[in-house]
């Protein structure tokens, strides 16, 4: 699993074909402050994630090691609703699969072509 340690403002490009990419923030104990991070995920239809500088990230799991999965394409099943027609074009997974991560500032997720 390719992983990048981020301790200062940075831009990261994840190449196509990269499996399970992630960034490590060095945070321990379930909470910490992130530098500005921009991730362009070529492996996920060029999705761009922008985390503003000095963003506090928290989770209820104090064992979280500060690793954040960068965008990857995933499969999902949309629930059936009888009065609606739904079409899925792309599903991506970001963050920490085991728990919810909360950010005190808006994290921008840009899906090109959507």
C-alpha atoms as a PDB file:
ATOM      1  CA  UNK A   1       0.000   0.000   0.000  1.00  0.00           C
ATOM      2  CA  UNK A   2       1.663   3.281  -1.081  1.00  0.00           C
ATOM      3  CA  UNK A   3       1.569   5.831   1.740  1.00  0.00           C
ATOM      4  CA  UNK A   4       2.853   9.415   1.969  1.00  0.00           C
ATOM      5  CA  UNK A   5       3.595  11.135   5.307  1.00  0.00           C
ATOM      6  CA  UNK A   6       2.227  14.695   5.225  1.00  0.00           C
ATOM      7  CA  UNK A   7       3.517  17.201   7.781  1.00  0.00           C
ATOM      8  CA  UNK A   8       3.387  20.425   5.754  1.00  0.00           C
ATOM      9  CA  UNK A   9       1.297  21.907   2.927  1.00  0.00           C
ATOM     10  CA  UNK A  10       1.548  19.599  -0.050  1.00  0.00           C
ATOM     11  CA  UNK A  11       0.017  18.458  -3.323  1.00  0.00           C
ATOM     12  CA  UNK A  12      -0.064  14.752  -4.079  1.00  0.00           C
ATOM     13  CA  UNK A  13      -0.866  12.970  -7.327  1.00  0.00           C
ATOM     14  CA  UNK A  14      -1.954   9.341  -7.129  1.00  0.00           C
ATOM     15  CA  UNK A  15      -1.070   7.547 -10.360  1.00  0.00           C
ATOM     16  CA  UNK A  16      -3.531   5.399 -12.290  1.00  0.00           C
ATOM     17  CA  UNK A  17      -3.341   1.782 -11.216  1.00  0.00           C
ATOM     18  CA  UNK A  18      -2.228   2.588  -7.660  1.00  0.00           C
ATOM     19  CA  UNK A  19      -3.806   0.135  -5.207  1.00  0.00           C
ATOM     20  CA  UNK A  20      -4.909   1.276  -1.711  1.00  0.00           C
ATOM     21  CA  UNK A  21      -3.165   4.691  -1.712  1.00  0.00           C
ATOM     22  CA  UNK A  22      -3.194   6.719   1.502  1.00  0.00           C
ATOM     23  CA  UNK A  23      -1.681   9.664   3.333  1.00  0.00           C
ATOM     24  CA  UNK A  24      -0.423   9.531   6.898  1.00  0.00           C
ATOM     25  CA  UNK A  25      -0.879  12.670   8.928  1.00  0.00           C
ATOM     26  CA  UNK A  26       1.162  11.534  11.914  1.00  0.00           C
ATOM     27  CA  UNK A  27      -1.897  12.126  14.108  1.00  0.00           C
ATOM     28  CA  UNK A  28      -2.397   9.849  17.099  1.00  0.00           C
ATOM     29  CA  UNK A  29      -5.117   9.695  19.730  1.00  0.00           C
ATOM     30  CA  UNK A  30      -8.102  10.336  17.438  1.00  0.00           C
ATOM     31  CA  UNK A  31      -7.634  14.069  16.808  1.00  0.00           C
ATOM     32  CA  UNK A  32      -5.136  16.432  15.245  1.00  0.00           C
ATOM     33  CA  UNK A  33      -4.497  19.324  12.883  1.00  0.00           C
ATOM     34  CA  UNK A  34      -3.807  18.812   9.191  1.00  0.00           C
ATOM     35  CA  UNK A  35      -1.777  21.066   6.911  1.00  0.00           C
ATOM     36  CA  UNK A  36      -3.210  22.109   3.555  1.00  0.00           C
ATOM     37  CA  UNK A  37      -3.421  18.973   1.411  1.00  0.00           C
ATOM     38  CA  UNK A  38      -4.480  18.657  -2.220  1.00  0.00           C
ATOM     39  CA  UNK A  39      -4.813  15.164  -3.654  1.00  0.00           C
ATOM     40  CA  UNK A  40      -5.392  14.488  -7.341  1.00  0.00           C
ATOM     41  CA  UNK A  41      -6.372  10.858  -7.727  1.00  0.00           C
ATOM     42  CA  UNK A  42      -5.708   9.756 -11.300  1.00  0.00           C
ATOM     43  CA  UNK A  43      -6.677   6.261 -10.127  1.00  0.00           C
ATOM     44  CA  UNK A  44     -10.192   7.563  -9.337  1.00  0.00           C
ATOM     45  CA  UNK A  45     -11.220   9.469 -12.474  1.00  0.00           C
ATOM     46  CA  UNK A  46      -8.969  12.423 -11.503  1.00  0.00           C
ATOM     47  CA  UNK A  47     -10.991  13.199  -8.374  1.00  0.00           C
ATOM     48  CA  UNK A  48      -9.468  16.134  -6.476  1.00  0.00           C
ATOM     49  CA  UNK A  49      -9.621  16.412  -2.667  1.00  0.00           C
ATOM     50  CA  UNK A  50      -8.710  19.777  -1.106  1.00  0.00           C
ATOM     51  CA  UNK A  51      -8.220  20.038   2.655  1.00  0.00           C
ATOM     52  CA  UNK A  52      -7.763  23.642   3.865  1.00  0.00           C
ATOM     53  CA  UNK A  53      -4.780  24.575   6.060  1.00  0.00           C
ATOM     54  CA  UNK A  54      -5.067  24.068   9.821  1.00  0.00           C
ATOM     55  CA  UNK A  55      -8.058  21.746   9.538  1.00  0.00           C
ATOM     56  CA  UNK A  56      -8.802  19.748  12.677  1.00  0.00           C
ATOM     57  CA  UNK A  57      -9.761  16.131  12.016  1.00  0.00           C
ATOM     58  CA  UNK A  58     -11.325  13.939  14.704  1.00  0.00           C
ATOM     59  CA  UNK A  59     -12.725  10.459  15.134  1.00  0.00           C
ATOM     60  CA  UNK A  60     -14.151   8.662  18.143  1.00  0.00           C
ATOM     61  CA  UNK A  61     -11.582   5.888  17.713  1.00  0.00           C
ATOM     62  CA  UNK A  62      -8.551   6.921  19.793  1.00  0.00           C
ATOM     63  CA  UNK A  63      -6.593   4.090  18.151  1.00  0.00           C
ATOM     64  CA  UNK A  64      -6.814   5.772  14.716  1.00  0.00           C
ATOM     65  CA  UNK A  65      -3.279   6.103  13.387  1.00  0.00           C
ATOM     66  CA  UNK A  66      -3.833   9.234  11.272  1.00  0.00           C
ATOM     67  CA  UNK A  67      -3.938   7.362   7.958  1.00  0.00           C
ATOM     68  CA  UNK A  68      -6.477   8.692   5.452  1.00  0.00           C
ATOM     69  CA  UNK A  69      -7.262   6.637   2.356  1.00  0.00           C
ATOM     70  CA  UNK A  70      -7.120   8.728  -0.805  1.00  0.00           C
ATOM     71  CA  UNK A  71      -9.920   8.346  -3.354  1.00  0.00           C
ATOM     72  CA  UNK A  72     -10.377   4.958  -4.969  1.00  0.00           C
ATOM     73  CA  UNK A  73     -13.100   3.651  -7.255  1.00  0.00           C
ATOM     74  CA  UNK A  74     -15.454   1.290  -5.459  1.00  0.00           C
ATOM     75  CA  UNK A  75     -18.693  -0.586  -6.130  1.00  0.00           C
ATOM     76  CA  UNK A  76     -21.966   0.119  -4.400  1.00  0.00           C
ATOM     77  CA  UNK A  77     -25.588  -0.924  -4.776  1.00  0.00           C
ATOM     78  CA  UNK A  78     -28.129   1.874  -4.804  1.00  0.00           C
ATOM     79  CA  UNK A  79     -31.301   1.165  -2.830  1.00  0.00           C
ATOM     80  CA  UNK A  80     -34.432   0.735  -4.923  1.00  0.00           C
ATOM     81  CA  UNK A  81     -37.059   3.441  -4.523  1.00  0.00           C
ATOM     82  CA  UNK A  82     -40.244   2.734  -6.470  1.00  0.00           C
ATOM     83  CA  UNK A  83     -40.926   6.374  -7.388  1.00  0.00           C
ATOM     84  CA  UNK A  84     -37.386   7.203  -8.542  1.00  0.00           C
ATOM     85  CA  UNK A  85     -35.021   6.272 -11.319  1.00  0.00           C
ATOM     86  CA  UNK A  86     -31.379   6.291 -10.213  1.00  0.00           C
ATOM     87  CA  UNK A  87     -28.269   6.014 -12.316  1.00  0.00           C
ATOM     88  CA  UNK A  88     -24.863   5.428 -10.790  1.00  0.00           C
ATOM     89  CA  UNK A  89     -21.943   6.813 -12.755  1.00  0.00           C
ATOM     90  CA  UNK A  90     -19.076   6.665 -10.249  1.00  0.00           C
ATOM     91  CA  UNK A  91     -18.620   5.681  -6.633  1.00  0.00           C
ATOM     92  CA  UNK A  92     -15.474   6.587  -4.727  1.00  0.00           C
ATOM     93  CA  UNK A  93     -14.259   5.769  -1.242  1.00  0.00           C
ATOM     94  CA  UNK A  94     -12.231   8.252   0.817  1.00  0.00           C
ATOM     95  CA  UNK A  95     -11.112   8.516   4.433  1.00  0.00           C
ATOM     96  CA  UNK A  96     -11.065   5.857   7.110  1.00  0.00           C
ATOM     97  CA  UNK A  97     -13.159   2.766   6.420  1.00  0.00           C
ATOM     98  CA  UNK A  98     -13.592   1.720  10.064  1.00  0.00           C
ATOM     99  CA  UNK A  99     -14.875   4.999  11.494  1.00  0.00           C
ATOM    100  CA  UNK A 100     -16.279   8.388  10.569  1.00  0.00           C
ATOM    101  CA  UNK A 101     -13.765  11.238  10.264  1.00  0.00           C
ATOM    102  CA  UNK A 102     -15.000  14.747  11.059  1.00  0.00           C
ATOM    103  CA  UNK A 103     -13.347  17.918   9.776  1.00  0.00           C
ATOM    104  CA  UNK A 104     -13.879  21.374  11.287  1.00  0.00           C
ATOM    105  CA  UNK A 105     -13.492  23.039   7.857  1.00  0.00           C
ATOM    106  CA  UNK A 106     -15.055  22.160   4.531  1.00  0.00           C
ATOM    107  CA  UNK A 107     -13.154  19.534   2.569  1.00  0.00           C
ATOM    108  CA  UNK A 108     -13.754  19.994  -1.148  1.00  0.00           C
ATOM    109  CA  UNK A 109     -14.351  16.897  -3.286  1.00  0.00           C
ATOM    110  CA  UNK A 110     -14.255  17.646  -7.019  1.00  0.00           C
ATOM    111  CA  UNK A 111     -15.505  14.938  -9.374  1.00  0.00           C
ATOM    112  CA  UNK A 112     -14.570  15.978 -12.937  1.00  0.00           C
ATOM    113  CA  UNK A 113     -17.384  15.563 -15.404  1.00  0.00           C
ATOM    114  CA  UNK A 114     -20.055  15.216 -12.720  1.00  0.00           C
END
